[in-house]
Structures are given as C-alpha cells and as structure tokens.
Protein backbone atom coordinates (compact mmCIF):
# COMPACT_ATOMS: atom_id res chain seq x y z
CA UNK A 1 -11.86 -2.71 14.98
CA UNK A 2 -15.00 -3.51 16.91
CA UNK A 3 -13.97 -1.02 19.96
CA UNK A 4 -13.65 1.96 17.90
CA UNK A 5 -16.02 4.42 16.36
CA UNK A 6 -15.92 4.38 12.51
CA UNK A 7 -16.11 6.39 9.41
CA UNK A 8 -17.42 4.53 6.24
CA UNK A 9 -15.98 5.41 2.69
CA UNK A 10 -18.45 4.27 -0.06
CA UNK A 11 -16.49 3.68 -2.93
CA UNK A 12 -17.81 4.63 -6.40
CA UNK A 13 -14.37 3.79 -8.16
CA UNK A 14 -12.13 6.62 -7.32
CA UNK A 15 -8.44 6.06 -7.30
CA UNK A 16 -8.33 8.12 -4.25
CA UNK A 17 -10.65 5.98 -2.16
CA UNK A 18 -8.02 4.13 -0.21
CA UNK A 19 -6.22 7.49 0.34
CA UNK A 20 -9.51 9.11 1.85
CA UNK A 21 -9.54 6.22 4.37
CA UNK A 22 -5.70 6.84 5.26
CA UNK A 23 -6.39 10.62 5.70
CA UNK A 24 -8.89 9.54 8.24
CA UNK A 25 -6.69 7.10 9.92
CA UNK A 26 -4.37 9.84 10.24
CA UNK A 27 -6.65 11.69 12.59
CA UNK A 28 -6.76 8.71 14.78
CA UNK A 29 -10.06 7.58 13.89
CA UNK A 30 -10.72 4.43 12.20
CA UNK A 31 -12.31 4.08 8.75
CA UNK A 32 -13.25 1.55 6.33
CA UNK A 33 -13.72 1.40 2.35
CA UNK A 34 -17.08 -0.25 1.40
CA UNK A 35 -19.01 -1.00 -1.77
CA UNK A 36 -21.40 1.79 -2.90
CA UNK A 37 -24.05 -0.84 -3.22
CA UNK A 38 -23.95 -1.50 0.59
CA UNK A 39 -27.62 -1.28 1.89
CA UNK A 40 -28.80 1.06 4.37
CA UNK A 41 -29.59 -1.76 6.81
CA UNK A 42 -25.95 -2.90 6.63
CA UNK A 43 -24.70 0.60 7.17
CA UNK A 44 -26.73 0.88 10.09
CA UNK A 45 -25.57 -2.39 11.50
CA UNK A 46 -21.88 -1.08 11.03
CA UNK A 47 -23.18 1.83 13.45
CA UNK A 48 -20.76 4.54 11.72
CA UNK A 49 -20.25 8.03 13.07
CA UNK A 50 -20.09 9.42 9.60
CA UNK A 51 -20.33 8.41 5.85
CA UNK A 52 -18.07 9.67 2.89
CA UNK A 53 -19.26 9.07 -0.69
CA UNK A 54 -15.95 8.94 -2.76
CA UNK A 55 -15.23 10.41 -6.22
CA UNK A 56 -15.49 8.12 -9.34
CA UNK A 57 -14.86 8.33 -13.04
CA UNK A 58 -18.43 8.40 -14.14
CA UNK A 59 -21.10 11.19 -14.52
CA UNK A 60 -24.20 10.98 -12.30
CA UNK A 61 -26.63 11.18 -15.20
CA UNK A 62 -24.81 8.21 -17.13
CA UNK A 63 -27.18 5.39 -17.61
CA UNK A 64 -24.88 2.99 -15.98
CA UNK A 65 -23.42 5.41 -13.54
CA UNK A 66 -23.21 3.90 -10.04
CA UNK A 67 -25.86 4.83 -7.44
CA UNK A 68 -26.03 4.28 -3.83
CA UNK A 69 -29.59 3.75 -2.05
CA UNK A 70 -31.10 7.42 -1.57
CA UNK A 71 -32.19 6.07 1.90
CA UNK A 72 -28.67 6.44 3.06
CA UNK A 73 -29.25 10.33 3.07
CA UNK A 74 -31.93 9.84 5.60
CA UNK A 75 -30.45 7.80 8.10
CA UNK A 76 -29.57 10.81 10.29
CA UNK A 77 -25.80 9.98 9.98
CA UNK A 78 -23.46 12.98 8.79
CA UNK A 79 -22.34 12.38 5.26
CA UNK A 80 -19.72 14.06 3.13
CA UNK A 81 -19.57 13.68 -0.73
CA UNK A 82 -16.45 14.21 -2.56
CA UNK A 83 -16.54 15.16 -6.27
CA UNK A 84 -18.91 12.38 -7.93
CA UNK A 85 -20.04 11.84 -4.39
CA UNK A 86 -21.12 15.42 -4.00
CA UNK A 87 -22.78 15.17 -7.47
CA UNK A 88 -24.87 12.13 -6.20
CA UNK A 89 -26.07 14.07 -3.26
CA UNK A 90 -27.39 16.79 -5.61
CA UNK A 91 -28.98 14.59 -8.20
CA UNK A 92 -30.63 12.13 -5.77
CA UNK A 93 -32.03 14.88 -3.55
CA UNK A 94 -33.80 16.77 -6.47
CA UNK A 95 -30.85 19.14 -7.57
CA UNK A 96 -29.39 19.29 -10.88
CA UNK A 97 -25.90 18.11 -12.40
CA UNK A 98 -24.95 18.76 -16.11
CA UNK A 99 -21.69 18.88 -18.09
CA UNK A 100 -19.86 21.89 -17.20
CA UNK A 101 -19.20 24.31 -20.20
CA UNK A 102 -15.55 24.37 -18.89
CA UNK A 103 -13.90 21.47 -17.05
CA UNK A 104 -11.82 22.07 -14.36
CA UNK A 105 -8.51 19.96 -13.58
CA UNK A 106 -5.78 20.72 -11.31
CA UNK A 107 -5.25 23.45 -8.88
CA UNK A 108 -7.86 26.15 -8.15
CA UNK A 109 -8.20 28.78 -5.42
CA UNK A 110 -11.25 28.28 -3.20
CA UNK A 111 -13.14 31.15 -2.04
CA UNK A 112 -14.92 30.57 1.37
CA UNK A 113 -18.29 32.05 1.54
CA UNK A 114 -19.11 30.46 5.02
CA UNK A 115 -16.02 29.43 7.20
CA UNK A 116 -17.99 27.43 9.93
CA UNK A 117 -18.26 23.85 10.42
CA UNK A 118 -16.59 22.09 7.44
CA UNK A 119 -14.50 24.96 6.48
CA UNK A 120 -13.16 26.11 10.06
CA UNK A 121 -9.56 26.84 9.72
CA UNK A 122 -9.27 26.41 6.08
CA UNK A 123 -7.92 29.70 4.75
CA UNK A 124 -9.72 31.50 2.20
CA UNK A 125 -8.10 31.35 -1.10
CA UNK A 126 -6.47 27.95 -0.39
CA UNK A 127 -5.45 25.90 -3.28
CA UNK A 128 -7.60 22.82 -3.86
CA UNK A 129 -7.34 20.09 -6.39
CA UNK A 130 -10.08 19.77 -8.87
CA UNK A 131 -10.81 17.00 -11.19
CA UNK A 132 -14.32 17.29 -12.70
CA UNK A 133 -16.24 17.99 -16.13
CA UNK A 134 -19.65 17.98 -14.56
CA UNK A 135 -20.96 21.09 -12.41
CA UNK A 136 -24.07 21.78 -10.12
CA UNK A 137 -26.69 23.76 -12.00
CA UNK A 138 -29.34 23.70 -9.13
CA UNK A 139 -29.05 22.79 -5.28
CA UNK A 140 -31.56 20.61 -3.67
CA UNK A 141 -33.87 22.18 -1.11
CA UNK A 142 -32.24 23.20 2.07
CA UNK A 143 -28.91 23.43 0.74
CA UNK A 144 -26.40 26.35 0.78
CA UNK A 145 -22.96 27.24 -0.85
CA UNK A 146 -19.92 27.17 1.42
CA UNK A 147 -17.43 27.84 -1.15
CA UNK A 148 -16.74 28.49 -4.89
CA UNK A 149 -13.89 28.72 -7.31
CA UNK A 150 -13.73 30.91 -10.42
CA UNK A 151 -15.23 28.26 -12.63
CA UNK A 152 -17.19 26.32 -9.87
CA UNK A 153 -20.03 28.33 -8.28
CA UNK A 154 -20.93 25.37 -5.92
CA UNK A 155 -17.20 23.98 -4.63
CA UNK A 156 -18.71 23.28 -1.25
CA UNK A 157 -22.35 22.66 -0.19
CA UNK A 158 -24.05 21.77 2.98
CA UNK A 159 -27.47 21.18 4.40
CA UNK A 160 -26.72 22.23 7.92
CA UNK A 161 -29.62 20.58 9.59
CA UNK A 162 -29.34 17.34 8.27
CA UNK A 163 -25.45 17.30 8.22
CA UNK A 164 -25.20 16.56 4.62
CA UNK A 165 -21.89 18.10 3.11
CA UNK A 166 -20.40 18.07 -0.45
CA UNK A 167 -16.92 19.28 -1.91
CA UNK A 168 -16.29 19.50 -5.64
CA UNK A 169 -12.53 19.06 -4.92
CA UNK A 170 -10.31 16.53 -3.47
CA UNK A 171 -9.29 17.43 0.23
CA UNK A 172 -7.57 14.05 0.56
CA UNK A 173 -4.66 14.75 -2.01
CA UNK A 174 -1.43 16.39 -1.04
CA UNK A 175 -2.02 19.26 -3.62
CA UNK A 176 -4.92 20.36 -1.69
CA UNK A 177 -3.82 23.10 0.75
CA UNK A 178 -6.07 22.78 3.93
CA UNK A 179 -7.64 19.48 2.58
CA UNK A 180 -6.61 17.64 5.85
CA UNK A 181 -8.10 20.65 8.11
CA UNK A 182 -11.48 19.97 6.19
CA UNK A 183 -11.16 16.26 6.76
CA UNK A 184 -10.27 16.85 10.61
CA UNK A 185 -13.55 19.23 10.83
CA UNK A 186 -15.90 16.51 9.30
CA UNK A 187 -14.41 13.77 11.66
CA UNK A 188 -14.06 15.75 14.83
CA UNK A 189 -16.38 18.81 14.63
CA UNK A 190 -19.31 17.31 12.35
CA UNK A 191 -19.24 13.60 13.31
CA UNK A 192 -17.87 14.23 16.74
CA UNK A 193 -15.31 11.39 16.73
CA UNK A 194 -12.69 10.85 19.34
CA UNK A 195 -8.86 10.02 18.46
CA UNK A 196 -8.86 6.39 19.82
CA UNK A 197 -7.34 4.57 16.79
CA UNK A 198 -3.73 4.64 17.82
CA UNK A 199 -1.12 2.01 17.51
CA UNK A 200 -1.10 1.16 21.25
CA UNK A 201 -4.72 0.21 21.00
CA UNK A 202 -4.45 -1.68 17.97
CA UNK A 203 -1.60 -3.89 19.57
CA UNK A 204 -3.56 -4.61 22.62
CA UNK A 205 -6.79 -5.64 20.89
CA UNK A 206 -4.78 -7.54 18.08
CA UNK A 207 -3.34 -9.57 20.80
CA UNK A 208 -6.37 -10.28 22.61
CA UNK A 209 -8.24 -11.40 19.37
CA UNK A 210 -5.02 -13.74 18.28
CA UNK A 211 -5.35 -15.39 21.67
CA UNK A 212 -9.08 -15.78 21.43
CA UNK A 213 -8.80 -17.37 17.70
CA UNK A 214 -5.81 -19.48 18.44
CA UNK A 215 -6.43 -20.62 21.90
CA UNK A 216 -3.75 -23.37 22.61
CA UNK A 217 -3.11 -24.41 19.04
CA UNK A 218 0.14 -23.76 16.74
CA UNK A 219 0.49 -21.20 14.26
CA UNK A 220 2.83 -21.50 11.04
CA UNK A 221 4.04 -18.22 9.48
CA UNK A 222 6.28 -17.90 6.20
CA UNK A 223 8.70 -15.32 7.34
CA UNK A 224 10.49 -13.34 4.45
CA UNK A 225 12.24 -10.55 6.56
CA UNK A 226 10.14 -7.79 5.03
CA UNK A 227 8.22 -5.49 7.32
CA UNK A 228 4.78 -7.23 7.12
CA UNK A 229 5.92 -10.67 7.79
CA UNK A 230 8.38 -9.49 10.75
CA UNK A 231 5.85 -7.34 12.22
CA UNK A 232 3.42 -10.12 12.20
CA UNK A 233 5.97 -12.54 13.72
CA UNK A 234 6.50 -10.08 16.51
CA UNK A 235 2.86 -9.55 17.07
CA UNK A 236 2.09 -13.37 17.17
CA UNK A 237 4.99 -13.95 19.38
CA UNK A 238 3.74 -11.53 22.04
CA UNK A 239 0.38 -12.93 21.85
CA UNK A 240 1.36 -16.80 21.92
CA UNK A 241 4.83 -17.12 22.53
CA UNK A 242 6.53 -20.31 21.18
CA UNK A 243 3.26 -21.59 19.73
CA UNK A 244 4.20 -19.61 16.62
CA UNK A 245 6.67 -21.10 14.11
CA UNK A 246 8.38 -19.03 11.52
CA UNK A 247 9.58 -20.96 8.56
CA UNK A 248 12.31 -18.97 6.55
CA UNK A 249 12.69 -20.41 2.98
CA UNK A 250 16.06 -19.16 1.60
CA UNK A 251 15.37 -19.38 -2.19
CA UNK A 252 18.86 -17.84 -3.05
CA UNK A 253 17.74 -14.58 -4.22
CA UNK A 254 18.18 -12.34 -0.95
CA UNK A 255 20.53 -9.73 -0.84
CA UNK A 256 24.09 -10.19 0.44
CA UNK A 257 24.23 -11.04 4.21
CA UNK A 258 20.36 -10.77 4.68
CA UNK A 259 19.59 -14.55 5.38
CA UNK A 260 22.28 -14.67 8.09
CA UNK A 261 21.23 -11.24 9.59
CA UNK A 262 17.66 -12.40 9.54
CA UNK A 263 18.33 -15.75 11.48
CA UNK A 264 20.75 -13.80 13.99
CA UNK A 265 18.07 -11.10 14.49
CA UNK A 266 15.12 -13.21 15.18
CA UNK A 267 16.58 -16.34 17.04
CA UNK A 268 19.56 -14.96 19.00
CA UNK A 269 18.38 -11.40 19.70
CA UNK A 270 14.71 -11.79 20.02
CA UNK A 271 14.39 -15.28 20.73
CA UNK A 272 11.63 -15.95 18.30
CA UNK A 273 11.78 -19.45 16.71
CA UNK A 274 12.72 -19.77 13.03
CA UNK A 275 12.98 -22.84 10.98
CA UNK A 276 15.74 -22.15 8.29
CA UNK A 277 15.28 -24.01 4.90
CA UNK A 278 18.04 -23.82 2.41
CA UNK A 279 16.55 -24.31 -0.75
CA UNK A 280 18.83 -22.35 -2.87
CA UNK A 281 19.93 -25.11 -5.46
CA UNK A 282 16.31 -26.10 -5.84
CA UNK A 283 15.05 -22.62 -6.98
CA UNK A 284 18.16 -22.00 -9.00
CA UNK A 285 17.61 -25.37 -11.14
CA UNK A 286 14.19 -24.17 -11.66
CA UNK A 287 15.21 -21.02 -13.64
CA UNK A 288 18.05 -22.89 -15.94
CA UNK A 289 17.43 -21.27 -19.53
CA UNK A 290 14.48 -19.02 -18.44
CA UNK A 291 14.48 -15.55 -19.71
CA UNK A 292 10.76 -14.39 -19.53
CA UNK A 293 10.20 -12.32 -16.25
CA UNK A 294 6.68 -13.80 -15.99
CA UNK A 295 7.90 -17.46 -16.20
CA UNK A 296 10.51 -16.74 -13.58
CA UNK A 297 7.83 -15.52 -11.29
CA UNK A 298 5.51 -18.55 -12.07
CA UNK A 299 8.39 -21.09 -11.38
CA UNK A 300 9.65 -19.27 -8.26
CA UNK A 301 6.12 -19.31 -6.85
CA UNK A 302 5.56 -23.00 -7.62
CA UNK A 303 8.71 -24.07 -6.12
CA UNK A 304 7.72 -21.89 -3.11
CA UNK A 305 4.55 -23.82 -2.78
CA UNK A 306 6.24 -27.26 -2.99
CA UNK A 307 8.98 -26.18 -0.47
CA UNK A 308 6.28 -24.83 1.86
CA UNK A 309 4.11 -27.93 1.60
CA UNK A 310 6.86 -30.40 2.31
CA UNK A 311 8.38 -28.43 5.11
CA UNK A 312 5.01 -27.68 6.93
CA UNK A 313 4.30 -31.54 6.96
CA UNK A 314 7.79 -31.90 8.38
CA UNK A 315 7.28 -29.30 11.17
CA UNK A 316 3.75 -29.82 11.95
CA UNK A 317 1.06 -30.36 12.54
CA UNK A 318 -0.27 -26.79 12.45
CA UNK A 319 -3.71 -25.74 13.01
CA UNK A 320 -3.19 -22.04 11.80
CA UNK A 321 -1.42 -20.16 8.98
CA UNK A 322 -0.51 -16.46 9.51
CA UNK A 323 -0.60 -14.21 6.67
CA UNK A 324 0.64 -10.61 6.38
CA UNK A 325 -2.51 -9.46 4.54
CA UNK A 326 -3.06 -5.73 4.71
CA UNK A 327 -5.98 -3.43 4.17
CA UNK A 328 -5.16 -2.61 0.67
CA UNK A 329 -5.48 -6.33 -0.33
CA UNK A 330 -8.70 -6.38 1.19
CA UNK A 331 -10.15 -3.46 -0.62
CA UNK A 332 -8.48 -4.92 -3.82
CA UNK A 333 -10.16 -8.34 -3.22
CA UNK A 334 -13.28 -6.85 -2.54
CA UNK A 335 -13.29 -4.61 -5.60
CA UNK A 336 -12.44 -7.53 -7.99
CA UNK A 337 -15.60 -9.25 -6.73
CA UNK A 338 -18.28 -6.68 -7.07
CA UNK A 339 -21.34 -7.03 -9.03
CA UNK A 340 -21.41 -4.08 -11.58
CA UNK A 341 -25.06 -3.70 -11.49
CA UNK A 342 -25.50 -3.86 -7.64
CA UNK A 343 -22.22 -3.19 -6.27
CA UNK A 344 -22.32 -5.97 -3.82
CA UNK A 345 -19.44 -8.13 -3.07
CA UNK A 346 -20.04 -11.77 -4.42
CA UNK A 347 -16.73 -13.48 -3.14
CA UNK A 348 -13.65 -12.45 -1.27
CA UNK A 349 -10.18 -13.81 -2.25
CA UNK A 350 -7.37 -14.43 0.13
CA UNK A 351 -4.07 -12.54 -0.41
CA UNK A 352 -1.33 -14.39 -2.43
CA UNK A 353 1.82 -14.53 -0.27
CA UNK A 354 4.13 -12.05 -1.96
CA UNK A 355 6.82 -14.91 -2.14
CA UNK A 356 4.28 -17.52 -3.19
CA UNK A 357 2.15 -16.36 -5.94
CA UNK A 358 -0.94 -17.97 -4.38
CA UNK A 359 -0.80 -20.69 -1.70
CA UNK A 360 -2.56 -23.82 -2.61
CA UNK A 361 -6.28 -23.92 -1.73
CA UNK A 362 -6.05 -27.47 -0.37
CA UNK A 363 -3.61 -26.54 2.45
CA UNK A 364 -5.60 -27.24 5.59
CA UNK A 365 -5.04 -24.31 7.88
CA UNK A 366 -7.19 -21.79 9.29
CA UNK A 367 -6.01 -18.24 8.51
CA UNK A 368 -4.88 -15.82 11.12
CA UNK A 369 -4.57 -12.34 9.68
CA UNK A 370 -4.26 -9.61 12.50
CA UNK A 371 -2.90 -6.94 9.97
CA UNK A 372 -5.74 -7.14 7.60
CA UNK A 373 -7.03 -3.80 8.84
CA UNK A 374 -3.87 -1.95 8.64
CA UNK A 375 -2.33 0.16 5.69
CA UNK A 376 1.49 -0.03 5.19
CA UNK A 377 2.38 2.95 7.03
CA UNK A 378 0.34 1.72 10.09
CA UNK A 379 2.30 -1.77 10.08
CA UNK A 380 5.49 0.33 10.35
CA UNK A 381 4.28 2.04 13.31
CA UNK A 382 3.05 -1.12 14.83
CA UNK A 383 6.47 -2.66 13.99
CA UNK A 384 8.27 0.15 15.83
CA UNK A 385 5.75 -0.11 18.78
CA UNK A 386 6.56 -3.83 19.07
CA UNK A 387 10.45 -3.18 19.03
CA UNK A 388 11.46 -4.11 15.53
CA UNK A 389 14.57 -2.52 14.63
CA UNK A 390 14.62 0.23 12.21
CA UNK A 391 16.59 -1.82 9.57
CA UNK A 392 13.45 -4.00 9.21
CA UNK A 393 10.77 -1.45 9.79
CA UNK A 394 12.11 1.28 7.24
CA UNK A 395 13.72 -1.38 4.76
CA UNK A 396 13.20 -0.42 1.28
CA UNK A 397 10.41 -2.47 -0.60
CA UNK A 398 12.11 -5.72 -2.00
CA UNK A 399 10.26 -8.06 -4.46
CA UNK A 400 9.21 -11.53 -3.62
CA UNK A 401 11.31 -13.13 -6.44
CA UNK A 402 14.13 -11.06 -5.18
CA UNK A 403 17.41 -10.46 -7.05
CA UNK A 404 15.94 -12.90 -9.86
CA UNK A 405 13.80 -10.23 -11.37
CA UNK A 406 16.71 -7.77 -11.12
CA UNK A 407 18.70 -9.98 -13.31
CA UNK A 408 17.47 -9.43 -16.98
CA UNK A 409 17.31 -12.69 -18.77
CA UNK A 410 18.72 -16.12 -17.50
CA UNK A 411 19.56 -16.11 -13.87
CA UNK A 412 22.81 -17.88 -13.00
CA UNK A 413 24.95 -18.40 -9.84
CA UNK A 414 27.60 -16.17 -11.45
CA UNK A 415 25.15 -13.25 -12.05
CA UNK A 416 23.56 -13.65 -8.83
CA UNK A 417 26.88 -13.08 -7.06
CA UNK A 418 27.83 -10.29 -9.26
CA UNK A 419 24.63 -8.65 -8.44
CA UNK A 420 24.56 -9.36 -4.69
CA UNK A 421 28.12 -7.50 -4.68
CA UNK A 422 26.75 -4.55 -6.65
CA UNK A 423 23.61 -4.38 -4.82
CA UNK A 424 25.60 -4.41 -1.49
CA UNK A 425 28.02 -1.51 -2.45
CA UNK A 426 24.72 0.64 -3.36
CA UNK A 427 23.23 0.24 -0.13
CA UNK A 428 26.60 0.48 1.87
CA UNK A 429 27.34 3.86 0.15
CA UNK A 430 23.76 5.57 0.55
CA UNK A 431 23.99 4.48 4.17
CA UNK A 432 27.36 5.92 4.68
CA UNK A 433 26.15 9.24 2.93
CA UNK A 434 23.03 9.20 5.32
CA UNK A 435 20.68 8.93 2.41
CA UNK A 436 19.16 5.59 2.65
CA UNK A 437 15.80 6.97 3.91
CA UNK A 438 15.91 9.70 0.94
CA UNK A 439 14.75 7.08 -1.49
CA UNK A 440 11.70 4.77 -1.77
CA UNK A 441 13.96 2.33 -3.40
CA UNK A 442 17.71 2.18 -4.39
CA UNK A 443 19.08 -0.81 -5.97
CA UNK A 444 21.15 -2.29 -8.82
CA UNK A 445 20.22 -4.13 -12.01
CA UNK A 446 22.22 -6.72 -13.99
CA UNK A 447 22.05 -6.62 -17.99
CA UNK A 448 22.53 -9.87 -19.83
CA UNK A 449 25.02 -8.27 -22.07
CA UNK A 450 28.66 -7.16 -22.07
CA UNK A 451 30.52 -3.96 -23.01
CA UNK A 452 33.92 -3.03 -23.85
CA UNK A 453 36.16 -1.49 -21.20
CA UNK A 454 39.88 -0.97 -20.10
CA UNK A 455 40.84 -1.97 -16.76
CA UNK A 456 44.39 -2.32 -15.70
CA UNK A 457 45.57 -1.35 -19.25
CA UNK A 458 43.77 -4.30 -20.50
CA UNK A 459 40.65 -4.61 -22.56
CA UNK A 460 37.73 -5.97 -20.75
CA UNK A 461 34.27 -7.44 -22.00
CA UNK A 462 32.14 -7.47 -18.98
CA UNK A 463 28.59 -6.64 -17.65
CA UNK A 464 26.92 -3.30 -17.16
CA UNK A 465 25.24 -2.42 -13.87
CA UNK A 466 22.15 -0.07 -13.91
CA UNK A 467 21.49 2.08 -10.82
CA UNK A 468 17.79 2.53 -10.20
CA UNK A 469 17.01 5.22 -7.30
CA UNK A 470 13.50 6.44 -7.05
CA UNK A 471 11.31 8.53 -4.77
CA UNK A 472 7.78 8.02 -4.27
CA UNK A 473 4.93 8.46 -1.64
CA UNK A 474 3.27 4.91 -2.20
CA UNK A 475 4.86 3.16 -5.17
CA UNK A 476 2.07 4.01 -7.36
CA UNK A 477 3.86 6.57 -9.17
CA UNK A 478 7.44 7.53 -8.82
CA UNK A 479 10.22 9.86 -9.91
CA UNK A 480 13.73 9.12 -10.48
CA UNK A 481 16.00 10.54 -7.74
CA UNK A 482 18.27 13.60 -8.41
CA UNK A 483 21.31 11.90 -6.89
CA UNK A 484 24.37 14.06 -6.03
CA UNK A 485 26.99 13.47 -8.71
CA UNK A 486 29.50 12.69 -5.96
CA UNK A 487 27.58 9.69 -4.56
CA UNK A 488 27.09 8.34 -8.24
CA UNK A 489 30.64 8.59 -8.63
CA UNK A 490 31.47 6.93 -5.32
CA UNK A 491 29.08 3.96 -6.14
CA UNK A 492 30.37 3.68 -9.61
CA UNK A 493 34.11 3.60 -8.69
CA UNK A 494 33.58 1.06 -6.06
CA UNK A 495 31.42 -1.25 -8.33
CA UNK A 496 33.93 -1.26 -11.14
CA UNK A 497 37.04 -1.71 -8.78
CA UNK A 498 35.40 -4.37 -6.43
CA UNK A 499 32.98 -6.25 -8.31
CA UNK A 500 34.59 -8.91 -10.77
CA UNK A 501 32.81 -9.10 -14.19
CA UNK A 502 31.61 -5.53 -14.12
CA UNK A 503 33.11 -2.61 -16.13
CA UNK A 504 30.46 -0.01 -16.80
CA UNK A 505 27.66 1.85 -14.31
CA UNK A 506 24.74 3.61 -15.91
CA UNK A 507 21.78 5.44 -14.16
CA UNK A 508 18.26 5.01 -15.17
CA UNK A 509 16.38 8.39 -15.13
CA UNK A 510 13.01 7.03 -16.16
CA UNK A 511 9.91 7.83 -14.17
CA UNK A 512 6.76 5.78 -13.33
CA UNK A 513 4.81 5.88 -15.62
CA UNK A 514 6.08 5.43 -18.23
CA UNK A 515 8.40 2.74 -16.80
CA UNK A 516 7.89 0.60 -13.81
CA UNK A 517 10.18 0.70 -10.66
CA UNK A 518 11.48 -2.71 -11.23
CA UNK A 519 12.86 -3.79 -14.47
CA UNK A 520 10.97 -6.99 -14.65
C-alpha cells in the first residue's frame, strides 16, 4: 500500500515465494512478490526498504537459469538472498558456485559463527530446512561466513558494509526453528522497518481508496457467503453504504439452511442490501445426465454467467463490479504472464470469480478489487475487524460449484437432498464436540452406487456416504484427520438413522498428495 514501507521479494520460481511474503506480513511490514526480471529503475521507483531474492529450482550456472540485473546489488538497499538467491549473489559478485559433492535436503543443525545482525536471537544449533544440491566454493570479496552446517560451510553469509546477506536454508518454512526470528532481524534491524501494516490501517486506507475510485456511482457484488465476498461486502458497505448492491444467486448447491441464513444475516442483522435470485431449477436442469466433473463445472460456470448478465441488467445500471481478488490470485496471474527470457510481465489477467469460471469480457463494468493486496489469513483479520460473525470468517472452504461436485456422477434433486442432510449432520456433530476449527475441511461425499444393508430387520439397498476430514495449513498439502472413534460413531449412527437413502458410512484416509481434498 502506498503509505507503507515495503519489502520486495524477487521471485525466481520458488514454491515458497508467496510464503516469504506472508512471513514478512506477519511482522506487520508490507511485502510484495515481483518478477526477477524487474529493472533496477522500477525497483528504485517502488522505493523498498529491503529486497529478498527467493529460492528457485534452477542452478545459477545453468545456461537458462534466471538472472536478475546485477545493478540491483549496488542500489544501496539491504538485500537477503535465500537458497538460489544466495547463490546468485555469490555468482554475480565474483564468487564460485558448483554442484555439491553431497546434496542437503531436510533438517540440518545450524552452527552460528557470528550471532550479530541477521542471526541475533537465533539459537546456536537451531534446526533449519535445507533444499539444495549446489554449494558455495568461494565467497566474493568482502563477504564473511555467519553460520555453517555439517555439510554446508557457507550456510549464512554477509557483506556487512553493503548490507548484503545470504542464507542457504529456508527460514520462511515452519520446519526452520528460529526462521521467523531471522526474518524479523532482516526486516527490523537491517532494513529499519516499522510495524505499520496493520488490519486497522488497511481498513482505513481501503475505505478511502474505494470512495475515491467510486465516487457517487453504484457497485455490484456477486455474494457467495464465503469469507472473501462477505468481507468485501462489509468493506464496501462501510465505504459507500447503500450504493453497493449484493447479488446472491442461489444455484441450489449450497448446504442446508445456508441461503436462508445468509439473507437473514446480511439484510436483517447488518442491513446490507442483498438481491436474492432463486435459480435452482435452471442450474439443476443444466446437469441432467452429466457425470464428468469438469463438464459439471463448465455448465455451472456458464449458467452463472447467463444469470448474472440477466439480473445485472434488471438491477442496474451499475458502473463498477466488485471482485474478491486476493493477492495469491495476483501473483498467479503475474507468474503465468511472464516472458521466460526476460522475466517481465507481458499481461495481467483478472481473477475468475470462484462461482463463475470466468466472467465475460464484454461486461461493461470497471473493477473494484480492494482485497487484491491481501492473503487469505489477512482477509479473515479484516473480516473480524469489520464485525463479521465467526461463522463466516472461520467458515471451512467450500467449492464454488458446491455440493454438485461432492455428488459423484449425475446430480439429481434426490441426491442433493440426501447429501445436504448428511452434510448437516457432519457439521452439527463436529460443532457439538467443539471440533469444528480442528479441521481445515470436514464434509460428506455421496457415491453413485448402492450397497446392501439391514435396517429395521429389512434388507436395504441404499447409498454409502464418504466422510472426508482433513487438516492443513494452506490447502496445498493436507493430511487426513485422526478423528476420535466416538465422533465418527456418532456421525455414522445419525446419518444411517436420520438420512433416508443411506445405509453405510465410510471414512477417507487419503492425504494430499496423492489424493485431492475434494473428490471431484
């Protein structure tokens, strides 16, 4: 944001670049991920307090390995290279990097040789996460070793006068003990940043920016009931009041009671105008005979666009369309539009609405995207600050196509009702047990087959329900949850006794990878 000091992360293709930015934000200092090909002139224009070079999958001596402009090292801006970033500093400033005789992956004990500056308060012998097959063979002039491991003589290096630092490990991952202390040292002590990136500051600035952008015009928001669109609705309402109109399209694939709860919450409790569009029959008719999950998504997305276009014309005119674009979407859009030779962005795409599968390009709206600088956890903090209830802010992730992709095979009204009832029992029981927030997601899946059972001394031939409970930090990887047997028993007993058409409950014990969180 324009009123905050910034740390820039030059992205060299690391899977952790986004995580580095999140760790810096956790110190209440603003950070952004930019392309490794960004010019020194552009970096100076952004006026950062510090620069971080991310890791990456390449070797610096590869013919096509990504390189930044060496002038970046002479801008007088404190700089930290991580893994590949450190090796790039060494190579471009005259040192040597070669393939290591012994690669180092996983945990390694860090022996600290100089506990000042970058390594202040990092305990000697701390475990750090290594992931490299190359090693420094000669340091550039003026550099010194700050720390080493058993297999890596140069695990941390510094040119103290120029404030250039490098670490061969990944301080941003949770496996690195003391990693966040190292990041804080770089942000606060080396870069001299102040902790000004706060939720309250963001809300105040965002409200001002929305008012300046929109003026007296009207804004339309497609409301889903998830944390992103709900937070955006509250933020827009604070900024421009009744000049924001929320459109909630009920496609019939939400969980039991959610449409009614959403309308009651927004309109009656918070007095935010919501236009309810009942399109259940339209969407269900589009899925007759459809079994392929991608075809389901495509048809749901296409129908959403048709309904959205029709209703926006009926409710309009609107000058602006609000979207809950988040910072990871911005990073992904930028990374998929980078010239591989120069690293420069060649285009920027707009996030597809999670329910839409891509809004049509000919919609004549200007975009309002006040959340586009935030990560998901920051959106939740903003939601709490704006007064959203916990049930929305801490709601489990729910797919845009909803229950339609938790029914394997064809979606019918009968199957939707079965799954809705089973899903309600899952949520009700984990809430009763006080375990709702122990899981990243906990839900039911309906299989398109029938199994033999015995209920009331009679033979039954009914559907099985699959329970899927997982734990995760960010949804990128996930483990199946080790749920108490008594809870599973309570859920199973209720489902087979209360949900007509179900006679069996099974539990999915597949992690991600190899499985995905959702079944479709």
